[in-house]
Amino acid sequence: MSTSTTTPRRRGRPPRRGVRHHIRLTLVLWEGEDDDLLAFFAGIPPGGRAAAVKQALRGFETLQVPSAPGEDEDDDLDLEEFLL
């Protein structure tokens, strides 16, 4: 019996490099008012929610960072318009 000192091959994707940021978010959706969003989330396969939300956010071309207090607030993202 021979003993090998080589490192076993890792399976799967290589680990990503870079700084990771975790953004936790809770949405409260109401039947009758948010049926379109409920259907959107119901149609996402298990494990695909984060990717689907990122894709939806990236598809919203006019998404802007809210201005600091005291600045002109007309350029801020109107969340209701985004979700409708």
Protein backbone atom coordinates (compact mmCIF):
# COMPACT_ATOMS: atom_id res chain seq x y z
CA MET A 1 0.00 0.00 0.00
CA SER A 2 1.45 3.38 -0.95
CA THR A 3 0.65 6.60 0.85
CA SER A 4 0.25 9.66 -1.32
CA THR A 5 1.05 13.15 -0.06
CA THR A 6 -0.66 14.96 -2.91
CA THR A 7 -3.65 17.14 -2.17
CA PRO A 8 -6.92 15.61 -3.38
CA ARG A 9 -8.63 17.40 -6.26
CA ARG A 10 -11.41 19.71 -5.17
CA ARG A 11 -14.71 19.28 -6.92
CA GLY A 12 -17.07 22.01 -8.01
CA ARG A 13 -16.51 25.67 -8.65
CA PRO A 14 -13.37 27.36 -7.44
CA PRO A 15 -13.95 29.74 -4.52
CA ARG A 16 -14.66 33.35 -5.50
CA ARG A 17 -12.12 35.99 -4.64
CA GLY A 18 -12.92 39.49 -3.42
CA VAL A 19 -14.85 41.14 -0.64
CA ARG A 20 -18.30 39.73 0.08
CA HIS A 21 -21.19 41.92 1.26
CA HIS A 22 -24.31 40.42 2.84
CA ILE A 23 -27.49 42.46 2.41
CA ARG A 24 -30.40 41.05 4.41
CA LEU A 25 -33.87 42.19 3.46
CA THR A 26 -37.39 41.30 4.54
CA LEU A 27 -40.34 42.09 2.28
CA VAL A 28 -43.90 42.12 3.55
CA LEU A 29 -46.24 41.36 0.64
CA TRP A 30 -50.03 41.43 0.82
CA GLU A 31 -52.44 39.29 -1.17
CA GLY A 32 -54.62 41.45 -3.37
CA GLU A 33 -52.09 44.29 -3.34
CA ASP A 34 -48.83 42.55 -4.24
CA ASP A 35 -50.12 39.59 -6.26
CA ASP A 36 -47.69 40.28 -9.11
CA LEU A 37 -44.71 40.12 -6.77
CA LEU A 38 -46.06 37.06 -4.99
CA ALA A 39 -46.37 35.33 -8.37
CA PHE A 40 -42.82 36.42 -9.26
CA PHE A 41 -41.38 34.90 -6.08
CA ALA A 42 -43.54 31.78 -6.38
CA GLY A 43 -42.09 31.13 -9.84
CA ILE A 44 -38.47 31.23 -8.68
CA PRO A 45 -36.89 27.78 -8.31
CA PRO A 46 -35.37 26.86 -4.93
CA GLY A 47 -32.02 28.54 -4.41
CA GLY A 48 -32.60 31.13 -7.14
CA ARG A 49 -34.19 33.98 -5.19
CA ALA A 50 -31.05 36.12 -4.78
CA ALA A 51 -30.13 35.81 -8.47
CA ALA A 52 -33.69 36.68 -9.55
CA VAL A 53 -33.81 39.76 -7.31
CA LYS A 54 -30.39 40.94 -8.56
CA GLN A 55 -31.53 40.46 -12.16
CA ALA A 56 -34.75 42.41 -11.51
CA LEU A 57 -32.86 45.25 -9.83
CA ARG A 58 -30.32 45.44 -12.64
CA GLY A 59 -33.16 45.64 -15.16
CA PHE A 60 -34.42 48.83 -13.51
CA GLU A 61 -32.32 51.34 -15.45
CA THR A 62 -33.23 54.46 -13.46
CA LEU A 63 -32.32 53.02 -10.05
CA GLN A 64 -30.53 55.77 -8.13
CA VAL A 65 -28.96 56.04 -4.71
CA PRO A 66 -31.17 58.19 -2.45
CA SER A 67 -29.77 61.65 -1.80
CA ALA A 68 -28.46 62.76 1.57
CA PRO A 69 -30.90 64.57 3.89
CA GLY A 70 -31.35 68.18 2.82
CA GLU A 71 -30.50 67.50 -0.83
CA ASP A 72 -33.01 67.56 -3.65
CA GLU A 73 -35.19 64.50 -3.12
CA ASP A 74 -36.85 64.57 -6.57
CA ASP A 75 -34.17 62.23 -7.94
CA ASP A 76 -34.76 59.53 -5.32
CA LEU A 77 -36.08 56.13 -6.26
CA ASP A 78 -39.84 55.89 -5.81
CA LEU A 79 -40.21 52.33 -4.52
CA GLU A 80 -43.91 52.12 -5.41
CA GLU A 81 -43.18 53.01 -9.04
CA PHE A 82 -40.35 50.45 -9.08
CA LEU A 83 -42.55 47.65 -7.80
CA LEU A 84 -45.56 48.41 -10.03
